[in-house]
PDB file of all heavy atoms in Angstrom:
ATOM      1  N   SER A   1       6.503  -4.712  -0.787  1.00  0.00           N
ATOM      2  CA  SER A   1       7.192  -4.322  -2.027  1.00  0.00           C
ATOM      3  C   SER A   1       7.997  -5.451  -2.649  1.00  0.00           C
ATOM      4  O   SER A   1       8.312  -5.424  -3.846  1.00  0.00           O
ATOM      5  CB  SER A   1       8.170  -3.142  -1.720  1.00  0.00           C
ATOM      6  OG  SER A   1       9.341  -3.594  -1.095  1.00  0.00           O
ATOM      7  N   LEU A   2       8.336  -6.448  -1.840  1.00  0.00           N
ATOM      8  CA  LEU A   2       9.107  -7.597  -2.281  1.00  0.00           C
ATOM      9  C   LEU A   2      10.425  -7.246  -2.920  1.00  0.00           C
ATOM     10  O   LEU A   2      11.009  -8.043  -3.648  1.00  0.00           O
ATOM     11  CB  LEU A   2       8.266  -8.473  -3.251  1.00  0.00           C
ATOM     12  CG  LEU A   2       7.053  -9.122  -2.603  1.00  0.00           C
ATOM     13  CD1 LEU A   2       6.156  -9.748  -3.655  1.00  0.00           C
ATOM     14  CD2 LEU A   2       7.462 -10.194  -1.582  1.00  0.00           C
ATOM     15  N   THR A   3      10.955  -6.096  -2.555  1.00  0.00           N
ATOM     16  CA  THR A   3      12.238  -5.619  -3.117  1.00  0.00           C
ATOM     17  C   THR A   3      13.420  -6.257  -2.451  1.00  0.00           C
ATOM     18  O   THR A   3      14.546  -6.179  -2.978  1.00  0.00           O
ATOM     19  CB  THR A   3      12.370  -4.124  -3.015  1.00  0.00           C
ATOM     20  OG1 THR A   3      12.200  -3.699  -1.680  1.00  0.00           O
ATOM     21  CG2 THR A   3      11.315  -3.449  -3.926  1.00  0.00           C
ATOM     22  N   ARG A   4      13.233  -6.924  -1.295  1.00  0.00           N
ATOM     23  CA  ARG A   4      14.354  -7.579  -0.600  1.00  0.00           C
ATOM     24  C   ARG A   4      14.260  -9.112  -0.740  1.00  0.00           C
ATOM     25  O   ARG A   4      14.987  -9.795  -0.101  1.00  0.00           O
ATOM     26  CB  ARG A   4      14.370  -7.244   0.870  1.00  0.00           C
ATOM     27  CG  ARG A   4      14.748  -5.825   1.203  1.00  0.00           C
ATOM     28  CD  ARG A   4      13.558  -5.022   1.438  1.00  0.00           C
ATOM     29  NE  ARG A   4      13.853  -3.788   2.148  1.00  0.00           N
ATOM     30  CZ  ARG A   4      12.991  -2.761   2.237  1.00  0.00           C
ATOM     31  NH1 ARG A   4      11.772  -2.902   1.699  1.00  0.00           N
ATOM     32  NH2 ARG A   4      13.286  -1.627   2.852  1.00  0.00           N
ATOM     33  N   ALA A   5      13.323  -9.585  -1.535  1.00  0.00           N
ATOM     34  CA  ALA A   5      13.182 -11.037  -1.695  1.00  0.00           C
ATOM     35  C   ALA A   5      14.449 -11.624  -2.278  1.00  0.00           C
ATOM     36  O   ALA A   5      15.159 -11.016  -3.107  1.00  0.00           O
ATOM     37  CB  ALA A   5      11.967 -11.343  -2.585  1.00  0.00           C
ATOM     38  N   GLY A   6      14.675 -12.889  -1.931  1.00  0.00           N
ATOM     39  CA  GLY A   6      15.858 -13.597  -2.418  1.00  0.00           C
ATOM     40  C   GLY A   6      15.653 -14.160  -3.828  1.00  0.00           C
ATOM     41  O   GLY A   6      14.560 -14.000  -4.395  1.00  0.00           O
ATOM     42  N   ASP A   7      16.669 -14.735  -4.330  1.00  0.00           N
ATOM     43  CA  ASP A   7      16.640 -15.417  -5.651  1.00  0.00           C
ATOM     44  C   ASP A   7      16.024 -16.777  -5.427  1.00  0.00           C
ATOM     45  O   ASP A   7      16.682 -17.699  -4.877  1.00  0.00           O
ATOM     46  CB  ASP A   7      18.077 -15.507  -6.210  1.00  0.00           C
ATOM     47  CG  ASP A   7      18.091 -16.129  -7.610  1.00  0.00           C
ATOM     48  OD1 ASP A   7      17.289 -16.985  -7.899  1.00  0.00           O
ATOM     49  OD2 ASP A   7      18.991 -15.689  -8.389  1.00  0.00           O
ATOM     50  N   GLU A   8      14.799 -16.946  -5.872  1.00  0.00           N
ATOM     51  CA  GLU A   8      14.068 -18.199  -5.563  1.00  0.00           C
ATOM     52  C   GLU A   8      14.761 -19.419  -6.157  1.00  0.00           C
ATOM     53  O   GLU A   8      14.718 -20.487  -5.559  1.00  0.00           O
ATOM     54  CB  GLU A   8      12.625 -18.058  -6.058  1.00  0.00           C
ATOM     55  CG  GLU A   8      12.462 -17.755  -7.522  1.00  0.00           C
ATOM     56  CD  GLU A   8      11.123 -17.123  -7.853  1.00  0.00           C
ATOM     57  OE1 GLU A   8      10.691 -16.202  -7.171  1.00  0.00           O
ATOM     58  OE2 GLU A   8      10.537 -17.557  -8.829  1.00  0.00           O
ATOM     59  N   ARG A   9      15.376 -19.287  -7.331  1.00  0.00           N
ATOM     60  CA  ARG A   9      16.055 -20.453  -7.911  1.00  0.00           C
ATOM     61  C   ARG A   9      17.338 -20.756  -7.170  1.00  0.00           C
ATOM     62  O   ARG A   9      17.622 -21.952  -6.854  1.00  0.00           O
ATOM     63  CB  ARG A   9      16.359 -20.188  -9.395  1.00  0.00           C
ATOM     64  CG  ARG A   9      15.113 -20.153 -10.262  1.00  0.00           C
ATOM     65  CD  ARG A   9      15.466 -20.060 -11.732  1.00  0.00           C
ATOM     66  NE  ARG A   9      14.283 -20.057 -12.575  1.00  0.00           N
ATOM     67  CZ  ARG A   9      14.305 -20.024 -13.887  1.00  0.00           C
ATOM     68  NH1 ARG A   9      15.494 -19.971 -14.514  1.00  0.00           N
ATOM     69  NH2 ARG A   9      13.212 -20.028 -14.607  1.00  0.00           N
ATOM     70  N   ALA A  10      18.114 -19.783  -6.828  1.00  0.00           N
ATOM     71  CA  ALA A  10      19.359 -20.001  -6.139  1.00  0.00           C
ATOM     72  C   ALA A  10      19.096 -20.589  -4.746  1.00  0.00           C
ATOM     73  O   ALA A  10      19.854 -21.407  -4.245  1.00  0.00           O
ATOM     74  CB  ALA A  10      20.144 -18.701  -5.998  1.00  0.00           C
ATOM     75  N   LEU A  11      17.998 -20.151  -4.141  1.00  0.00           N
ATOM     76  CA  LEU A  11      17.665 -20.625  -2.764  1.00  0.00           C
ATOM     77  C   LEU A  11      16.943 -21.970  -2.805  1.00  0.00           C
ATOM     78  O   LEU A  11      16.825 -22.585  -1.748  1.00  0.00           O
ATOM     79  CB  LEU A  11      16.794 -19.581  -2.031  1.00  0.00           C
ATOM     80  CG  LEU A  11      17.502 -18.283  -1.672  1.00  0.00           C
ATOM     81  CD1 LEU A  11      16.482 -17.269  -1.170  1.00  0.00           C
ATOM     82  CD2 LEU A  11      18.539 -18.516  -0.566  1.00  0.00           C
ATOM     83  N   GLY A  12      16.449 -22.354  -3.955  1.00  0.00           N
ATOM     84  CA  GLY A  12      15.614 -23.574  -4.019  1.00  0.00           C
ATOM     85  C   GLY A  12      14.344 -23.412  -3.239  1.00  0.00           C
ATOM     86  O   GLY A  12      13.860 -24.330  -2.562  1.00  0.00           O
ATOM     87  N   SER A  13      13.759 -22.184  -3.296  1.00  0.00           N
ATOM     88  CA  SER A  13      12.624 -21.836  -2.476  1.00  0.00           C
ATOM     89  C   SER A  13      11.369 -22.561  -2.950  1.00  0.00           C
ATOM     90  O   SER A  13      11.097 -22.682  -4.170  1.00  0.00           O
ATOM     91  CB  SER A  13      12.361 -20.316  -2.509  1.00  0.00           C
ATOM     92  OG  SER A  13      11.258 -20.011  -1.707  1.00  0.00           O
ATOM     93  N   ASP A  14      10.533 -22.975  -2.002  1.00  0.00           N
ATOM     94  CA  ASP A  14       9.250 -23.578  -2.317  1.00  0.00           C
ATOM     95  C   ASP A  14       8.131 -22.572  -2.513  1.00  0.00           C
ATOM     96  O   ASP A  14       7.048 -22.912  -2.946  1.00  0.00           O
ATOM     97  CB  ASP A  14       8.818 -24.556  -1.196  1.00  0.00           C
ATOM     98  CG  ASP A  14       8.740 -23.880   0.148  1.00  0.00           C
ATOM     99  OD1 ASP A  14       9.452 -22.903   0.373  1.00  0.00           O
ATOM    100  OD2 ASP A  14       8.013 -24.397   1.022  1.00  0.00           O
ATOM    101  N   VAL A  15       8.411 -21.322  -2.208  1.00  0.00           N
ATOM    102  CA  VAL A  15       7.456 -20.204  -2.564  1.00  0.00           C
ATOM    103  C   VAL A  15       8.204 -19.235  -3.460  1.00  0.00           C
ATOM    104  O   VAL A  15       9.432 -19.110  -3.413  1.00  0.00           O
ATOM    105  CB  VAL A  15       6.967 -19.481  -1.304  1.00  0.00           C
ATOM    106  CG1 VAL A  15       6.092 -20.387  -0.455  1.00  0.00           C
ATOM    107  CG2 VAL A  15       8.075 -18.899  -0.414  1.00  0.00           C
ATOM    108  N   THR A  16       7.453 -18.578  -4.325  1.00  0.00           N
ATOM    109  CA  THR A  16       8.064 -17.661  -5.289  1.00  0.00           C
ATOM    110  C   THR A  16       7.601 -16.253  -4.991  1.00  0.00           C
ATOM    111  O   THR A  16       6.674 -15.995  -4.243  1.00  0.00           O
ATOM    112  CB  THR A  16       7.611 -18.030  -6.730  1.00  0.00           C
ATOM    113  OG1 THR A  16       6.189 -17.776  -6.852  1.00  0.00           O
ATOM    114  CG2 THR A  16       7.904 -19.502  -7.052  1.00  0.00           C
ATOM    115  N   VAL A  17       8.344 -15.285  -5.590  1.00  0.00           N
ATOM    116  CA  VAL A  17       7.949 -13.918  -5.475  1.00  0.00           C
ATOM    117  C   VAL A  17       6.515 -13.707  -6.049  1.00  0.00           C
ATOM    118  O   VAL A  17       5.723 -12.957  -5.469  1.00  0.00           O
ATOM    119  CB  VAL A  17       8.951 -12.970  -6.224  1.00  0.00           C
ATOM    120  CG1 VAL A  17       8.448 -11.566  -6.285  1.00  0.00           C
ATOM    121  CG2 VAL A  17      10.327 -13.038  -5.505  1.00  0.00           C
ATOM    122  N   ALA A  18       6.190 -14.405  -7.123  1.00  0.00           N
ATOM    123  CA  ALA A  18       4.855 -14.285  -7.681  1.00  0.00           C
ATOM    124  C   ALA A  18       3.790 -14.777  -6.701  1.00  0.00           C
ATOM    125  O   ALA A  18       2.693 -14.176  -6.600  1.00  0.00           O
ATOM    126  CB  ALA A  18       4.743 -15.055  -8.993  1.00  0.00           C
ATOM    127  N   ASP A  19       4.042 -15.860  -6.005  1.00  0.00           N
ATOM    128  CA  ASP A  19       3.138 -16.362  -4.952  1.00  0.00           C
ATOM    129  C   ASP A  19       2.883 -15.277  -3.918  1.00  0.00           C
ATOM    130  O   ASP A  19       1.752 -14.997  -3.541  1.00  0.00           O
ATOM    131  CB  ASP A  19       3.717 -17.575  -4.266  1.00  0.00           C
ATOM    132  CG  ASP A  19       3.869 -18.781  -5.160  1.00  0.00           C
ATOM    133  OD1 ASP A  19       3.118 -18.946  -6.144  1.00  0.00           O
ATOM    134  OD2 ASP A  19       4.769 -19.637  -4.846  1.00  0.00           O
ATOM    135  N   CYS A  20       3.946 -14.695  -3.458  1.00  0.00           N
ATOM    136  CA  CYS A  20       3.904 -13.674  -2.397  1.00  0.00           C
ATOM    137  C   CYS A  20       3.098 -12.449  -2.916  1.00  0.00           C
ATOM    138  O   CYS A  20       2.285 -11.869  -2.207  1.00  0.00           O
ATOM    139  CB  CYS A  20       5.258 -13.248  -1.892  1.00  0.00           C
ATOM    140  SG  CYS A  20       6.146 -14.590  -1.134  1.00  0.00           S
ATOM    141  N   ALA A  21       3.363 -12.075  -4.173  1.00  0.00           N
ATOM    142  CA  ALA A  21       2.724 -10.886  -4.774  1.00  0.00           C
ATOM    143  C   ALA A  21       1.201 -11.109  -4.805  1.00  0.00           C
ATOM    144  O   ALA A  21       0.412 -10.191  -4.567  1.00  0.00           O
ATOM    145  CB  ALA A  21       3.243 -10.595  -6.173  1.00  0.00           C
ATOM    146  N   ARG A  22       0.757 -12.319  -5.179  1.00  0.00           N
ATOM    147  CA  ARG A  22      -0.693 -12.632  -5.206  1.00  0.00           C
ATOM    148  C   ARG A  22      -1.282 -12.512  -3.802  1.00  0.00           C
ATOM    149  O   ARG A  22      -2.380 -11.963  -3.667  1.00  0.00           O
ATOM    150  CB  ARG A  22      -0.891 -14.069  -5.732  1.00  0.00           C
ATOM    151  CG  ARG A  22      -0.746 -14.160  -7.228  1.00  0.00           C
ATOM    152  CD  ARG A  22      -1.319 -15.506  -7.761  1.00  0.00           C
ATOM    153  NE  ARG A  22      -0.470 -16.623  -7.277  1.00  0.00           N
ATOM    154  CZ  ARG A  22       0.589 -17.089  -7.914  1.00  0.00           C
ATOM    155  NH1 ARG A  22       0.989 -16.537  -9.079  1.00  0.00           N
ATOM    156  NH2 ARG A  22       1.271 -18.113  -7.427  1.00  0.00           N
ATOM    157  N   CYS A  23      -0.590 -12.939  -2.820  1.00  0.00           N
ATOM    158  CA  CYS A  23      -1.082 -12.846  -1.434  1.00  0.00           C
ATOM    159  C   CYS A  23      -1.229 -11.400  -1.015  1.00  0.00           C
ATOM    160  O   CYS A  23      -2.248 -10.992  -0.420  1.00  0.00           O
ATOM    161  CB  CYS A  23      -0.165 -13.576  -0.472  1.00  0.00           C
ATOM    162  SG  CYS A  23      -0.106 -15.373  -0.706  1.00  0.00           S
ATOM    163  N   TYR A  24      -0.208 -10.586  -1.306  1.00  0.00           N
ATOM    164  CA  TYR A  24      -0.275  -9.143  -0.917  1.00  0.00           C
ATOM    165  C   TYR A  24      -1.333  -8.433  -1.672  1.00  0.00           C
ATOM    166  O   TYR A  24      -2.005  -7.502  -1.141  1.00  0.00           O
ATOM    167  CB  TYR A  24       1.083  -8.501  -1.121  1.00  0.00           C
ATOM    168  CG  TYR A  24       2.052  -8.783  -0.021  1.00  0.00           C
ATOM    169  CD1 TYR A  24       3.320  -9.374  -0.271  1.00  0.00           C
ATOM    170  CD2 TYR A  24       1.784  -8.417   1.294  1.00  0.00           C
ATOM    171  CE1 TYR A  24       4.216  -9.594   0.750  1.00  0.00           C
ATOM    172  CE2 TYR A  24       2.678  -8.668   2.330  1.00  0.00           C
ATOM    173  CZ  TYR A  24       3.918  -9.243   2.024  1.00  0.00           C
ATOM    174  OH  TYR A  24       4.802  -9.483   3.039  1.00  0.00           O
ATOM    175  N   ARG A  25      -1.605  -8.794  -2.945  1.00  0.00           N
ATOM    176  CA  ARG A  25      -2.664  -8.125  -3.717  1.00  0.00           C
ATOM    177  C   ARG A  25      -4.045  -8.400  -3.049  1.00  0.00           C
ATOM    178  O   ARG A  25      -4.885  -7.572  -3.089  1.00  0.00           O
ATOM    179  CB  ARG A  25      -2.644  -8.575  -5.155  1.00  0.00           C
ATOM    180  CG  ARG A  25      -1.583  -7.935  -6.009  1.00  0.00           C
ATOM    181  CD  ARG A  25      -1.854  -8.110  -7.523  1.00  0.00           C
ATOM    182  NE  ARG A  25      -1.871  -9.503  -7.926  1.00  0.00           N
ATOM    183  CZ  ARG A  25      -0.791 -10.183  -8.320  1.00  0.00           C
ATOM    184  NH1 ARG A  25       0.389  -9.550  -8.370  1.00  0.00           N
ATOM    185  NH2 ARG A  25      -0.884 -11.419  -8.686  1.00  0.00           N
ATOM    186  N   ALA A  26      -4.180  -9.578  -2.537  1.00  0.00           N
ATOM    187  CA  ALA A  26      -5.461  -9.929  -1.884  1.00  0.00           C
ATOM    188  C   ALA A  26      -5.609  -9.189  -0.560  1.00  0.00           C
ATOM    189  O   ALA A  26      -6.680  -8.673  -0.249  1.00  0.00           O
ATOM    190  CB  ALA A  26      -5.525 -11.456  -1.637  1.00  0.00           C
ATOM    191  N   TYR A  27      -4.520  -9.123   0.221  1.00  0.00           N
ATOM    192  CA  TYR A  27      -4.571  -8.522   1.560  1.00  0.00           C
ATOM    193  C   TYR A  27      -4.528  -6.963   1.515  1.00  0.00           C
ATOM    194  O   TYR A  27      -5.142  -6.278   2.298  1.00  0.00           O
ATOM    195  CB  TYR A  27      -3.424  -9.017   2.401  1.00  0.00           C
ATOM    196  CG  TYR A  27      -3.448  -8.570   3.831  1.00  0.00           C
ATOM    197  CD1 TYR A  27      -4.542  -8.759   4.653  1.00  0.00           C
ATOM    198  CD2 TYR A  27      -2.299  -7.954   4.371  1.00  0.00           C
ATOM    199  CE1 TYR A  27      -4.522  -8.331   5.992  1.00  0.00           C
ATOM    200  CE2 TYR A  27      -2.272  -7.537   5.700  1.00  0.00           C
ATOM    201  CZ  TYR A  27      -3.378  -7.720   6.465  1.00  0.00           C
ATOM    202  OH  TYR A  27      -3.384  -7.300   7.806  1.00  0.00           O
ATOM    203  N   LEU A  28      -3.779  -6.448   0.497  1.00  0.00           N
ATOM    204  CA  LEU A  28      -3.586  -5.004   0.375  1.00  0.00           C
ATOM    205  C   LEU A  28      -3.986  -4.589  -1.026  1.00  0.00           C
ATOM    206  O   LEU A  28      -3.153  -4.246  -1.852  1.00  0.00           O
ATOM    207  CB  LEU A  28      -2.096  -4.674   0.618  1.00  0.00           C
ATOM    208  CG  LEU A  28      -1.528  -5.116   2.000  1.00  0.00           C
ATOM    209  CD1 LEU A  28      -0.025  -5.068   1.973  1.00  0.00           C
ATOM    210  CD2 LEU A  28      -2.113  -4.290   3.082  1.00  0.00           C
ATOM    211  N   PRO A  29      -5.278  -4.570  -1.323  1.00  0.00           N
ATOM    212  CA  PRO A  29      -5.726  -4.299  -2.675  1.00  0.00           C
ATOM    213  C   PRO A  29      -5.476  -2.876  -3.124  1.00  0.00           C
ATOM    214  O   PRO A  29      -5.391  -2.614  -4.318  1.00  0.00           O
ATOM    215  CB  PRO A  29      -7.235  -4.589  -2.619  1.00  0.00           C
ATOM    216  CG  PRO A  29      -7.599  -4.468  -1.167  1.00  0.00           C
ATOM    217  CD  PRO A  29      -6.392  -4.927  -0.404  1.00  0.00           C
ATOM    218  N   GLU A  30      -5.323  -1.925  -2.181  1.00  0.00           N
ATOM    219  CA  GLU A  30      -5.047  -0.554  -2.540  1.00  0.00           C
ATOM    220  C   GLU A  30      -3.533  -0.301  -2.380  1.00  0.00           C
ATOM    221  O   GLU A  30      -2.943  -0.559  -1.316  1.00  0.00           O
ATOM    222  CB  GLU A  30      -5.825   0.425  -1.652  1.00  0.00           C
ATOM    223  CG  GLU A  30      -7.322   0.219  -1.754  1.00  0.00           C
ATOM    224  CD  GLU A  30      -8.078   1.090  -0.784  1.00  0.00           C
ATOM    225  OE1 GLU A  30      -7.500   2.103  -0.301  1.00  0.00           O
ATOM    226  OE2 GLU A  30      -9.244   0.777  -0.490  1.00  0.00           O
ATOM    227  N   ALA A  31      -2.891   0.199  -3.440  1.00  0.00           N
ATOM    228  CA  ALA A  31      -1.427   0.392  -3.420  1.00  0.00           C
ATOM    229  C   ALA A  31      -0.990   1.250  -2.253  1.00  0.00           C
ATOM    230  O   ALA A  31       0.072   0.959  -1.644  1.00  0.00           O
ATOM    231  CB  ALA A  31      -1.005   1.034  -4.713  1.00  0.00           C
ATOM    232  N   ALA A  32      -1.734   2.255  -1.868  1.00  0.00           N
ATOM    233  CA  ALA A  32      -1.307   3.132  -0.749  1.00  0.00           C
ATOM    234  C   ALA A  32      -1.218   2.383   0.550  1.00  0.00           C
ATOM    235  O   ALA A  32      -0.388   2.739   1.453  1.00  0.00           O
ATOM    236  CB  ALA A  32      -2.267   4.282  -0.622  1.00  0.00           C
ATOM    237  N   GLN A  33      -1.956   1.287   0.718  1.00  0.00           N
ATOM    238  CA  GLN A  33      -1.911   0.538   1.967  1.00  0.00           C
ATOM    239  C   GLN A  33      -0.516  -0.108   2.154  1.00  0.00           C
ATOM    240  O   GLN A  33      -0.146  -0.402   3.310  1.00  0.00           O
ATOM    241  CB  GLN A  33      -2.954  -0.590   1.918  1.00  0.00           C
ATOM    242  CG  GLN A  33      -4.393  -0.064   1.918  1.00  0.00           C
ATOM    243  CD  GLN A  33      -5.372  -1.205   1.705  1.00  0.00           C
ATOM    244  OE1 GLN A  33      -5.060  -2.200   1.045  1.00  0.00           O
ATOM    245  NE2 GLN A  33      -6.562  -1.090   2.330  1.00  0.00           N
ATOM    246  N   ARG A  34       0.190  -0.315   1.055  1.00  0.00           N
ATOM    247  CA  ARG A  34       1.438  -1.093   1.146  1.00  0.00           C
ATOM    248  C   ARG A  34       2.564  -0.317   1.801  1.00  0.00           C
ATOM    249  O   ARG A  34       3.679  -0.839   1.959  1.00  0.00           O
ATOM    250  CB  ARG A  34       1.790  -1.598  -0.218  1.00  0.00           C
ATOM    251  CG  ARG A  34       0.692  -2.513  -0.751  1.00  0.00           C
ATOM    252  CD  ARG A  34       0.924  -3.027  -2.161  1.00  0.00           C
ATOM    253  NE  ARG A  34      -0.286  -3.672  -2.646  1.00  0.00           N
ATOM    254  CZ  ARG A  34      -0.404  -4.245  -3.821  1.00  0.00           C
ATOM    255  NH1 ARG A  34       0.638  -4.287  -4.640  1.00  0.00           N
ATOM    256  NH2 ARG A  34      -1.540  -4.827  -4.198  1.00  0.00           N
ATOM    257  N   LEU A  35       2.316   0.916   2.106  1.00  0.00           N
ATOM    258  CA  LEU A  35       3.334   1.756   2.873  1.00  0.00           C
ATOM    259  C   LEU A  35       2.923   1.957   4.324  1.00  0.00           C
ATOM    260  O   LEU A  35       3.680   2.553   5.093  1.00  0.00           O
ATOM    261  CB  LEU A  35       3.526   3.078   2.167  1.00  0.00           C
ATOM    262  CG  LEU A  35       4.091   3.017   0.792  1.00  0.00           C
ATOM    263  CD1 LEU A  35       4.188   4.417   0.171  1.00  0.00           C
ATOM    264  CD2 LEU A  35       5.486   2.406   0.791  1.00  0.00           C
ATOM    265  N   HIS A  36       1.748   1.455   4.690  1.00  0.00           N
ATOM    266  CA  HIS A  36       1.260   1.656   6.070  1.00  0.00           C
ATOM    267  C   HIS A  36       2.146   0.816   6.980  1.00  0.00           C
ATOM    268  O   HIS A  36       2.482  -0.345   6.649  1.00  0.00           O
ATOM    269  CB  HIS A  36      -0.196   1.228   6.200  1.00  0.00           C
ATOM    270  CG  HIS A  36      -0.842   1.647   7.463  1.00  0.00           C
ATOM    271  ND1 HIS A  36      -0.498   1.133   8.696  1.00  0.00           N
ATOM    272  CD2 HIS A  36      -1.813   2.552   7.685  1.00  0.00           C
ATOM    273  CE1 HIS A  36      -1.249   1.699   9.623  1.00  0.00           C
ATOM    274  NE2 HIS A  36      -2.051   2.571   9.055  1.00  0.00           N
ATOM    275  N   PRO A  37       2.618   1.362   8.118  1.00  0.00           N
ATOM    276  CA  PRO A  37       3.523   0.623   8.992  1.00  0.00           C
ATOM    277  C   PRO A  37       2.931  -0.675   9.513  1.00  0.00           C
ATOM    278  O   PRO A  37       3.656  -1.664   9.788  1.00  0.00           O
ATOM    279  CB  PRO A  37       3.803   1.562  10.144  1.00  0.00           C
ATOM    280  CG  PRO A  37       2.784   2.622  10.077  1.00  0.00           C
ATOM    281  CD  PRO A  37       2.413   2.735   8.629  1.00  0.00           C
ATOM    282  N   TYR A  38       1.568  -0.798   9.614  1.00  0.00           N
ATOM    283  CA  TYR A  38       0.981  -2.043  10.059  1.00  0.00           C
ATOM    284  C   TYR A  38       0.870  -3.030   8.918  1.00  0.00           C
ATOM    285  O   TYR A  38       0.575  -4.215   9.194  1.00  0.00           O
ATOM    286  CB  TYR A  38      -0.424  -1.786  10.642  1.00  0.00           C
ATOM    287  CG  TYR A  38      -0.485  -0.848  11.836  1.00  0.00           C
ATOM    288  CD1 TYR A  38      -1.693  -0.350  12.264  1.00  0.00           C
ATOM    289  CD2 TYR A  38       0.654  -0.480  12.538  1.00  0.00           C
ATOM    290  CE1 TYR A  38      -1.762   0.550  13.312  1.00  0.00           C
ATOM    291  CE2 TYR A  38       0.610   0.396  13.588  1.00  0.00           C
ATOM    292  CZ  TYR A  38      -0.604   0.912  13.999  1.00  0.00           C
ATOM    293  OH  TYR A  38      -0.736   1.769  15.077  1.00  0.00           O
ATOM    294  N   ALA A  39       1.114  -2.607   7.712  1.00  0.00           N
ATOM    295  CA  ALA A  39       1.095  -3.486   6.574  1.00  0.00           C
ATOM    296  C   ALA A  39       2.484  -3.801   6.041  1.00  0.00           C
ATOM    297  O   ALA A  39       2.662  -4.769   5.320  1.00  0.00           O
ATOM    298  CB  ALA A  39       0.273  -2.870   5.449  1.00  0.00           C
ATOM    299  N   ALA A  40       3.408  -2.955   6.376  1.00  0.00           N
ATOM    300  CA  ALA A  40       4.813  -3.120   5.850  1.00  0.00           C
ATOM    301  C   ALA A  40       5.797  -2.854   6.985  1.00  0.00           C
ATOM    302  O   ALA A  40       6.457  -1.850   7.048  1.00  0.00           O
ATOM    303  CB  ALA A  40       5.047  -2.105   4.702  1.00  0.00           C
TER     304      ALA A  40
END
């Protein structure tokens, strides 16, 4: 869900929420999967 992600600018993070979202869309293409305990 990426709802607990930090502030990428404040943290000076080398990965962004958008990067992570793309990865999760590839791994979990069906929205319902994103609540499965083995996926989340």
